[in-house]
């Protein structure tokens, strides 16, 4: 059973197969390493940028404080994405307004707005980027007269176009990353749902198998125990025969249950014993005879796929178990027929019913129907017009893709 472990509550956390960026699910650890790396890049890059822009204000202590603050707020980008986006923009605007040189000061802004978009705060991220562009426009074309450096000139519109292109590029990449993250979340949820569905199907299959294994053997044991108790004093030899039958039936039941449990414990290994099929009908007839039921078998069948063979055997087994438990008849007929595409099973008894559960328990009939439906077949069960009860099963002879994958 390849069920995946899925956390019960809260937002999903990223695995090694998921996006490498943060999002709606804040990690437990602070992003110290990435923040320190960004801070170092911004400080060193701004220093080199200052040498190539002699007309701007040289990098001093105030500039470094602004650069460090603008980068340090990235520590909170997973927990407070909106505040971090506007915080990086504020630091960048103050830095540019003080006349310091252009450079990697925009890197923290890009990362902060990127994190806000990925976290689902798209409007806030767009607003922060728009604020940065508008502030730069005011500083570069109007406020520069009163801001350092002295005797500065208006920024060329080509630079404004470059800033606008940069803003749009950051927003587009952020939206692309968010779309990729949402797709990954959907895929992860679908995989988890598929794993839960496979686990439920496996549990249901095991429950059906255990029911079919135990119901028949326990019915035989119950009947023979009653016979043994009734004849214990009057006919000890017959009581001994009943006890022998109980021992054989219980031994067989234990063997089949052990096989089912071995399959459950080691789902990746092949079963140690072959699954039962219609070739074991004579064994079913003998067990029914030990329970006092005479069974006539007629018809032939071709070589069946493993799933269809097991289902056909379990249908006959459950039908005969129901005759033993719920019918007053001590005679049953099993007829097997097949065409080019399907196998037909008909199990009849002459009744009358001995209780309200004539024809079998709800679980038994439901299990038979589920087995047949899994192969693309069907089951009909109900009273016959002339009395008694009939179970009619139609199973396809060709294995379905679902059966092949099992």
Protein backbone atom coordinates (compact mmCIF):
# COMPACT_ATOMS: atom_id res chain seq x y z
CA UNK A 1 0.00 0.00 0.00
CA UNK A 2 1.72 3.15 -1.19
CA UNK A 3 -0.29 5.58 0.87
CA UNK A 4 1.52 8.84 1.37
CA UNK A 5 1.65 10.60 4.72
CA UNK A 6 -0.37 13.81 4.60
CA UNK A 7 -0.54 16.30 7.42
CA UNK A 8 -3.97 16.61 8.89
CA UNK A 9 -4.23 20.36 9.31
CA UNK A 10 -2.70 23.66 8.37
CA UNK A 11 -1.18 24.72 5.09
CA UNK A 12 1.18 22.36 3.27
CA UNK A 13 4.91 22.68 3.68
CA UNK A 14 7.31 22.48 0.83
CA UNK A 15 9.10 19.23 0.18
CA UNK A 16 12.16 18.67 -1.95
CA UNK A 17 9.80 18.20 -4.92
CA UNK A 18 8.01 21.51 -4.38
CA UNK A 19 8.80 25.14 -5.18
CA UNK A 20 12.01 26.40 -3.53
CA UNK A 21 10.42 29.71 -2.48
CA UNK A 22 8.20 30.57 0.46
CA UNK A 23 4.51 31.16 0.21
CA UNK A 24 1.35 30.88 2.22
CA UNK A 25 2.97 28.27 4.43
CA UNK A 26 5.55 30.04 6.58
CA UNK A 27 8.51 27.83 7.45
CA UNK A 28 9.46 27.33 11.06
CA UNK A 29 12.99 28.67 10.55
CA UNK A 30 13.98 32.23 9.85
CA UNK A 31 15.64 32.75 6.42
CA UNK A 32 18.92 33.94 7.90
CA UNK A 33 21.25 32.64 5.24
CA UNK A 34 19.46 34.08 2.24
CA UNK A 35 18.96 37.42 4.01
CA UNK A 36 22.65 37.66 4.91
CA UNK A 37 23.58 36.80 1.33
CA UNK A 38 21.30 39.50 -0.08
CA UNK A 39 22.64 42.05 2.42
CA UNK A 40 26.23 41.28 1.43
CA UNK A 41 25.42 41.52 -2.28
CA UNK A 42 23.64 44.84 -1.80
CA UNK A 43 26.45 46.38 0.29
CA UNK A 44 29.29 45.23 -1.97
CA UNK A 45 27.42 46.00 -5.18
CA UNK A 46 26.45 49.48 -4.03
CA UNK A 47 30.09 50.16 -3.14
CA UNK A 48 31.20 49.28 -6.67
CA UNK A 49 28.30 51.26 -8.13
CA UNK A 50 29.42 54.35 -6.19
CA UNK A 51 32.83 54.30 -7.93
CA UNK A 52 31.21 54.30 -11.37
CA UNK A 53 28.77 57.15 -10.55
CA UNK A 54 30.94 60.07 -9.33
CA UNK A 55 28.08 62.53 -9.71
CA UNK A 56 26.03 60.88 -6.94
CA UNK A 57 26.47 61.22 -3.19
CA UNK A 58 29.26 58.86 -1.99
CA UNK A 59 28.29 55.82 0.08
CA UNK A 60 28.50 56.76 3.77
CA UNK A 61 27.28 55.36 7.08
CA UNK A 62 23.70 56.52 6.49
CA UNK A 63 23.63 54.83 3.11
CA UNK A 64 24.89 51.57 4.59
CA UNK A 65 22.28 51.75 7.37
CA UNK A 66 19.51 52.17 4.77
CA UNK A 67 20.90 49.30 2.70
CA UNK A 68 21.13 47.01 5.72
CA UNK A 69 17.62 47.91 6.93
CA UNK A 70 16.16 47.40 3.45
CA UNK A 71 17.71 43.95 3.29
CA UNK A 72 17.18 42.92 6.93
CA UNK A 73 13.39 43.23 6.72
CA UNK A 74 13.50 40.24 4.34
CA UNK A 75 13.78 38.07 7.48
CA UNK A 76 10.01 38.57 7.91
CA UNK A 77 9.08 38.01 4.26
CA UNK A 78 7.33 34.68 4.98
CA UNK A 79 5.43 35.92 8.03
CA UNK A 80 4.54 39.47 7.00
CA UNK A 81 4.87 39.67 3.19
CA UNK A 82 2.91 42.92 2.80
CA UNK A 83 4.89 44.79 5.45
CA UNK A 84 8.18 43.54 4.00
CA UNK A 85 7.21 44.63 0.46
CA UNK A 86 6.45 48.19 1.56
CA UNK A 87 9.43 48.23 3.96
CA UNK A 88 11.91 47.46 1.18
CA UNK A 89 10.26 50.08 -1.03
CA UNK A 90 10.51 52.71 1.75
CA UNK A 91 14.21 51.98 2.29
CA UNK A 92 14.89 52.19 -1.47
CA UNK A 93 12.98 55.50 -1.80
CA UNK A 94 14.88 57.06 1.12
CA UNK A 95 18.17 55.81 -0.35
CA UNK A 96 17.45 57.28 -3.80
CA UNK A 97 16.05 60.48 -2.31
CA UNK A 98 19.32 61.00 -0.45
CA UNK A 99 21.13 61.03 -3.80
CA UNK A 100 23.11 57.85 -3.32
CA UNK A 101 24.20 55.92 -6.45
CA UNK A 102 21.98 53.47 -8.28
CA UNK A 103 22.84 49.81 -7.84
CA UNK A 104 21.50 46.61 -6.25
CA UNK A 105 19.30 48.64 -3.89
CA UNK A 106 16.34 47.34 -5.91
CA UNK A 107 17.20 43.68 -5.18
CA UNK A 108 15.47 43.59 -1.74
CA UNK A 109 12.43 45.29 -3.32
CA UNK A 110 12.25 42.58 -5.98
CA UNK A 111 12.49 39.79 -3.40
CA UNK A 112 9.98 41.42 -1.04
CA UNK A 113 7.37 41.96 -3.76
CA UNK A 114 8.07 38.50 -5.17
CA UNK A 115 7.31 36.97 -1.76
CA UNK A 116 4.11 39.01 -1.42
CA UNK A 117 2.79 37.85 -4.81
CA UNK A 118 3.65 34.22 -4.11
CA UNK A 119 1.92 34.51 -0.72
CA UNK A 120 -1.26 35.64 -2.47
CA UNK A 121 -0.97 39.37 -1.67
CA UNK A 122 -0.90 40.43 -5.30
CA UNK A 123 -2.58 43.81 -4.92
CA UNK A 124 -0.24 44.80 -2.11
CA UNK A 125 2.80 43.79 -4.18
CA UNK A 126 1.59 45.71 -7.22
CA UNK A 127 0.85 48.72 -5.00
CA UNK A 128 4.36 48.58 -3.53
CA UNK A 129 5.96 48.42 -6.98
CA UNK A 130 3.74 51.24 -8.21
CA UNK A 131 4.71 53.31 -5.19
CA UNK A 132 8.39 52.77 -5.96
CA UNK A 133 8.01 53.76 -9.58
CA UNK A 134 5.90 56.85 -8.74
CA UNK A 135 8.37 57.94 -6.04
CA UNK A 136 11.29 57.53 -8.41
CA UNK A 137 9.43 59.53 -11.03
CA UNK A 138 8.88 62.41 -8.57
CA UNK A 139 12.44 62.36 -7.30
CA UNK A 140 14.02 62.13 -10.76
CA UNK A 141 11.87 64.82 -12.48
CA UNK A 142 10.68 67.22 -9.80
CA UNK A 143 12.12 66.83 -6.28
CA UNK A 144 15.71 66.56 -7.55
CA UNK A 145 15.93 70.41 -7.38
CA UNK A 146 15.80 70.32 -3.58
CA UNK A 147 17.46 66.97 -2.93
CA UNK A 148 21.15 66.01 -3.00
CA UNK A 149 23.40 65.99 -4.87
CA UNK A 150 23.54 69.70 -5.67
CA UNK A 151 23.26 70.91 -9.26
CA UNK A 152 21.66 67.59 -10.24
CA UNK A 153 19.71 67.28 -13.48
CA UNK A 154 16.51 65.46 -14.35
CA UNK A 155 16.94 61.80 -15.05
CA UNK A 156 16.68 60.85 -18.74
CA UNK A 157 13.38 59.28 -19.72
CA UNK A 158 15.27 56.29 -21.02
CA UNK A 159 16.18 55.50 -17.42
CA UNK A 160 12.52 55.85 -16.43
CA UNK A 161 11.64 53.37 -19.15
CA UNK A 162 14.26 50.98 -17.78
CA UNK A 163 12.82 51.33 -14.25
CA UNK A 164 9.29 50.72 -15.54
CA UNK A 165 10.49 47.66 -17.47
CA UNK A 166 12.18 46.36 -14.34
CA UNK A 167 8.98 46.85 -12.31
CA UNK A 168 6.89 44.99 -14.90
CA UNK A 169 9.48 42.19 -15.12
CA UNK A 170 9.46 41.69 -11.34
CA UNK A 171 5.66 41.61 -11.28
CA UNK A 172 5.49 39.16 -14.22
CA UNK A 173 8.04 36.79 -12.71
CA UNK A 174 6.22 36.92 -9.38
CA UNK A 175 2.91 36.07 -11.03
CA UNK A 176 4.54 33.22 -12.92
CA UNK A 177 6.02 31.85 -9.70
CA UNK A 178 2.67 32.13 -7.94
CA UNK A 179 0.91 30.26 -10.75
CA UNK A 180 3.56 27.53 -10.56
CA UNK A 181 3.14 27.32 -6.80
CA UNK A 182 -0.65 27.07 -7.04
CA UNK A 183 -0.31 24.31 -9.63
CA UNK A 184 2.09 22.44 -7.37
CA UNK A 185 -0.33 22.75 -4.44
CA UNK A 186 -3.16 21.37 -6.59
CA UNK A 187 -1.00 18.50 -7.82
CA UNK A 188 0.05 17.68 -4.26
CA UNK A 189 -3.56 17.68 -3.07
CA UNK A 190 -4.57 15.42 -5.96
CA UNK A 191 -1.73 13.00 -5.16
CA UNK A 192 -2.76 12.94 -1.51
CA UNK A 193 -6.39 12.32 -2.46
CA UNK A 194 -5.36 9.55 -4.85
CA UNK A 195 -3.23 7.96 -2.11
CA UNK A 196 -6.16 8.06 0.34
CA UNK A 197 -8.44 6.57 -2.31
CA UNK A 198 -5.99 3.73 -3.00
CA UNK A 199 -5.68 3.09 0.73
CA UNK A 200 -9.47 2.96 1.10
CA UNK A 201 -9.76 0.59 -1.86
CA UNK A 202 -7.04 -1.64 -0.39
CA UNK A 203 -8.75 -1.73 3.01
CA UNK A 204 -12.06 -2.56 1.35
CA UNK A 205 -10.44 -5.33 -0.68
CA UNK A 206 -8.86 -6.82 2.45
CA UNK A 207 -12.16 -6.61 4.32
CA UNK A 208 -13.95 -8.42 1.49
CA UNK A 209 -11.26 -11.06 1.34
CA UNK A 210 -11.36 -11.72 5.10
CA UNK A 211 -15.15 -11.82 5.07
CA UNK A 212 -15.23 -14.35 2.24
CA UNK A 213 -12.51 -16.47 3.82
CA UNK A 214 -14.07 -16.57 7.27
CA UNK A 215 -17.80 -16.63 6.50
CA UNK A 216 -17.76 -19.98 4.72
CA UNK A 217 -15.47 -21.77 7.15
CA UNK A 218 -17.19 -20.43 10.25
CA UNK A 219 -20.60 -21.43 8.83
CA UNK A 220 -19.31 -24.98 8.34
CA UNK A 221 -17.84 -24.97 11.85
CA UNK A 222 -21.09 -23.68 13.32
CA UNK A 223 -23.20 -26.35 11.63
CA UNK A 224 -20.84 -29.15 12.54
CA UNK A 225 -20.55 -27.92 16.13
CA UNK A 226 -24.33 -28.13 16.40
CA UNK A 227 -24.30 -31.65 14.97
CA UNK A 228 -21.52 -32.70 17.33
CA UNK A 229 -23.33 -31.37 20.38
CA UNK A 230 -26.59 -33.06 19.37
CA UNK A 231 -24.95 -36.45 18.79
CA UNK A 232 -22.31 -36.34 21.51
CA UNK A 233 -24.20 -38.81 23.73
CA UNK A 234 -26.32 -40.77 21.27
CA UNK A 235 -23.79 -41.23 18.43
CA UNK A 236 -20.20 -40.53 19.55
CA UNK A 237 -18.75 -41.72 16.25
CA UNK A 238 -20.80 -39.21 14.26
CA UNK A 239 -19.84 -36.50 16.76
CA UNK A 240 -16.19 -37.41 16.19
CA UNK A 241 -16.71 -36.97 12.44
CA UNK A 242 -18.23 -33.53 13.08
CA UNK A 243 -15.25 -32.53 15.21
CA UNK A 244 -12.86 -33.74 12.52
CA UNK A 245 -14.68 -31.57 10.00
CA UNK A 246 -14.43 -28.59 12.37
CA UNK A 247 -10.68 -29.15 12.71
CA UNK A 248 -10.17 -29.32 8.93
CA UNK A 249 -12.32 -26.25 8.26
CA UNK A 250 -10.60 -24.20 10.95
CA UNK A 251 -7.17 -25.22 9.67
CA UNK A 252 -8.07 -24.14 6.14
CA UNK A 253 -9.53 -20.86 7.40
CA UNK A 254 -6.36 -20.13 9.38
CA UNK A 255 -4.24 -20.82 6.32
CA UNK A 256 -6.24 -18.48 4.09
CA UNK A 257 -6.35 -15.75 6.74
CA UNK A 258 -2.59 -16.03 7.16
CA UNK A 259 -2.16 -15.64 3.40
CA UNK A 260 -4.32 -12.49 3.38
CA UNK A 261 -2.43 -11.02 6.33
CA UNK A 262 0.93 -11.81 4.75
CA UNK A 263 -0.18 -9.89 1.67
CA UNK A 264 -1.24 -6.99 3.88
CA UNK A 265 2.08 -6.89 5.72
CA UNK A 266 4.23 -7.12 2.58
CA UNK A 267 2.25 -5.51 -0.27
CA UNK A 268 5.26 -5.34 -2.54
CA UNK A 269 5.97 -9.07 -2.42
CA UNK A 270 4.30 -11.76 -4.44
CA UNK A 271 1.79 -13.96 -2.55
CA UNK A 272 3.31 -17.12 -1.12
CA UNK A 273 0.39 -19.24 -2.35
CA UNK A 274 -1.75 -18.84 -5.48
CA UNK A 275 -5.13 -17.20 -5.06
CA UNK A 276 -8.05 -19.65 -5.08
CA UNK A 277 -10.03 -20.13 -8.28
CA UNK A 278 -12.74 -22.28 -9.81
CA UNK A 279 -10.34 -25.22 -9.85
CA UNK A 280 -11.11 -25.48 -6.11
CA UNK A 281 -14.84 -26.04 -6.67
CA UNK A 282 -14.54 -29.72 -5.70
CA UNK A 283 -13.07 -28.62 -2.38
CA UNK A 284 -16.03 -26.28 -1.84
CA UNK A 285 -18.39 -29.14 -2.64
CA UNK A 286 -16.69 -31.34 -0.03
CA UNK A 287 -16.87 -28.62 2.60
CA UNK A 288 -20.55 -28.06 1.83
CA UNK A 289 -21.14 -31.80 2.11
CA UNK A 290 -19.51 -31.77 5.55
CA UNK A 291 -22.04 -29.09 6.52
CA UNK A 292 -24.90 -31.30 5.29
CA UNK A 293 -25.41 -29.60 1.92
CA UNK A 294 -25.45 -31.53 -1.34
CA UNK A 295 -24.06 -29.50 -4.25
CA UNK A 296 -24.34 -30.35 -7.93
CA UNK A 297 -21.86 -28.67 -10.29
CA UNK A 298 -22.52 -28.48 -14.03
CA UNK A 299 -20.77 -26.73 -16.90
CA UNK A 300 -17.23 -25.89 -17.90
CA UNK A 301 -15.14 -22.77 -17.90
CA UNK A 302 -12.06 -21.55 -19.78
CA UNK A 303 -8.79 -20.39 -18.30
CA UNK A 304 -9.63 -17.20 -16.45
CA UNK A 305 -7.59 -14.11 -15.56
CA UNK A 306 -6.48 -14.22 -11.90
CA UNK A 307 -8.91 -11.52 -10.77
CA UNK A 308 -11.92 -13.08 -12.50
CA UNK A 309 -10.98 -16.56 -11.26
CA UNK A 310 -10.76 -15.38 -7.65
CA UNK A 311 -14.01 -13.42 -7.92
CA UNK A 312 -15.85 -16.40 -9.41
CA UNK A 313 -14.62 -18.65 -6.60
CA UNK A 314 -15.62 -16.14 -3.90
CA UNK A 315 -19.08 -15.68 -5.44
CA UNK A 316 -19.75 -19.42 -5.38
CA UNK A 317 -18.28 -19.69 -1.88
CA UNK A 318 -20.45 -16.87 -0.53
CA UNK A 319 -23.58 -18.22 -2.25
CA UNK A 320 -23.08 -21.72 -0.78
CA UNK A 321 -22.33 -20.19 2.63
CA UNK A 322 -25.64 -18.34 2.47
CA UNK A 323 -27.48 -21.56 1.58
CA UNK A 324 -25.95 -23.29 4.62
CA UNK A 325 -26.77 -20.40 6.94
CA UNK A 326 -30.08 -19.09 5.68
CA UNK A 327 -31.86 -21.73 3.61
CA UNK A 328 -33.92 -24.70 4.73
CA UNK A 329 -32.86 -26.60 1.63
CA UNK A 330 -30.06 -29.15 1.86
CA UNK A 331 -29.53 -29.14 -1.89
CA UNK A 332 -27.87 -26.54 -4.16
CA UNK A 333 -26.95 -26.40 -7.83
CA UNK A 334 -23.99 -24.54 -9.36
CA UNK A 335 -24.07 -24.00 -13.10
CA UNK A 336 -21.09 -22.52 -14.94
CA UNK A 337 -21.39 -21.29 -18.52
CA UNK A 338 -19.31 -19.02 -20.70
CA UNK A 339 -19.43 -17.22 -24.00
CA UNK A 340 -16.68 -15.54 -26.01
CA UNK A 341 -16.56 -12.52 -23.69
CA UNK A 342 -18.15 -13.43 -20.35
CA UNK A 343 -18.48 -16.08 -17.69
CA UNK A 344 -21.90 -16.79 -16.19
CA UNK A 345 -22.41 -18.38 -12.76
CA UNK A 346 -25.80 -19.47 -11.45
CA UNK A 347 -26.25 -20.82 -7.94
CA UNK A 348 -29.75 -22.09 -6.99
CA UNK A 349 -31.29 -23.59 -3.89
CA UNK A 350 -34.86 -24.73 -3.32
CA UNK A 351 -35.44 -22.95 -0.01
CA UNK A 352 -37.46 -22.19 1.99
CA UNK A 353 -35.66 -19.45 3.92
CA UNK A 354 -35.09 -20.09 7.61
CA UNK A 355 -34.83 -16.43 8.73
CA UNK A 356 -35.17 -12.80 7.76
CA UNK A 357 -31.77 -12.83 6.04
CA UNK A 358 -32.83 -15.18 3.31
CA UNK A 359 -30.29 -15.31 0.58
CA UNK A 360 -27.44 -13.97 2.67
CA UNK A 361 -26.34 -11.10 4.81
CA UNK A 362 -26.10 -7.60 3.44
CA UNK A 363 -22.31 -7.62 3.71
CA UNK A 364 -21.98 -10.85 1.76
CA UNK A 365 -24.15 -9.73 -1.14
CA UNK A 366 -22.54 -6.28 -1.13
CA UNK A 367 -19.10 -7.87 -1.24
CA UNK A 368 -20.07 -10.06 -4.20
CA UNK A 369 -21.44 -7.06 -6.08
CA UNK A 370 -18.33 -5.00 -5.36
CA UNK A 371 -16.06 -7.77 -6.59
CA UNK A 372 -18.05 -8.17 -9.80
CA UNK A 373 -18.30 -4.41 -10.38
CA UNK A 374 -14.52 -4.04 -9.97
CA UNK A 375 -14.11 -6.36 -12.98
CA UNK A 376 -16.84 -4.72 -15.04
CA UNK A 377 -19.42 -7.43 -14.31
CA UNK A 378 -22.58 -7.65 -12.24
CA UNK A 379 -24.50 -9.72 -9.69
CA UNK A 380 -28.23 -10.38 -9.43
CA UNK A 381 -29.58 -12.09 -6.33
CA UNK A 382 -33.13 -12.73 -5.21
CA UNK A 383 -35.98 -15.23 -4.73
CA UNK A 384 -36.96 -17.43 -7.66
CA UNK A 385 -40.57 -17.36 -8.89
CA UNK A 386 -40.94 -21.10 -8.17
CA UNK A 387 -39.39 -20.81 -4.70
CA UNK A 388 -35.86 -20.91 -3.40
CA UNK A 389 -33.13 -18.38 -4.08
CA UNK A 390 -30.87 -17.63 -7.03
CA UNK A 391 -27.54 -15.85 -7.40
CA UNK A 392 -26.60 -14.96 -10.97
CA UNK A 393 -23.14 -13.52 -11.71
CA UNK A 394 -21.79 -12.28 -15.03
CA UNK A 395 -18.02 -11.68 -15.19
CA UNK A 396 -15.95 -10.54 -18.18
CA UNK A 397 -13.34 -12.97 -19.45
CA UNK A 398 -10.93 -10.21 -20.45
CA UNK A 399 -8.96 -8.55 -17.67
CA UNK A 400 -9.75 -4.87 -17.23
CA UNK A 401 -6.97 -2.25 -16.86
CA UNK A 402 -7.86 -1.85 -13.18
CA UNK A 403 -7.35 -5.56 -12.62
CA UNK A 404 -4.06 -5.53 -14.50
CA UNK A 405 -2.76 -2.73 -12.27
CA UNK A 406 -3.57 -4.55 -9.05
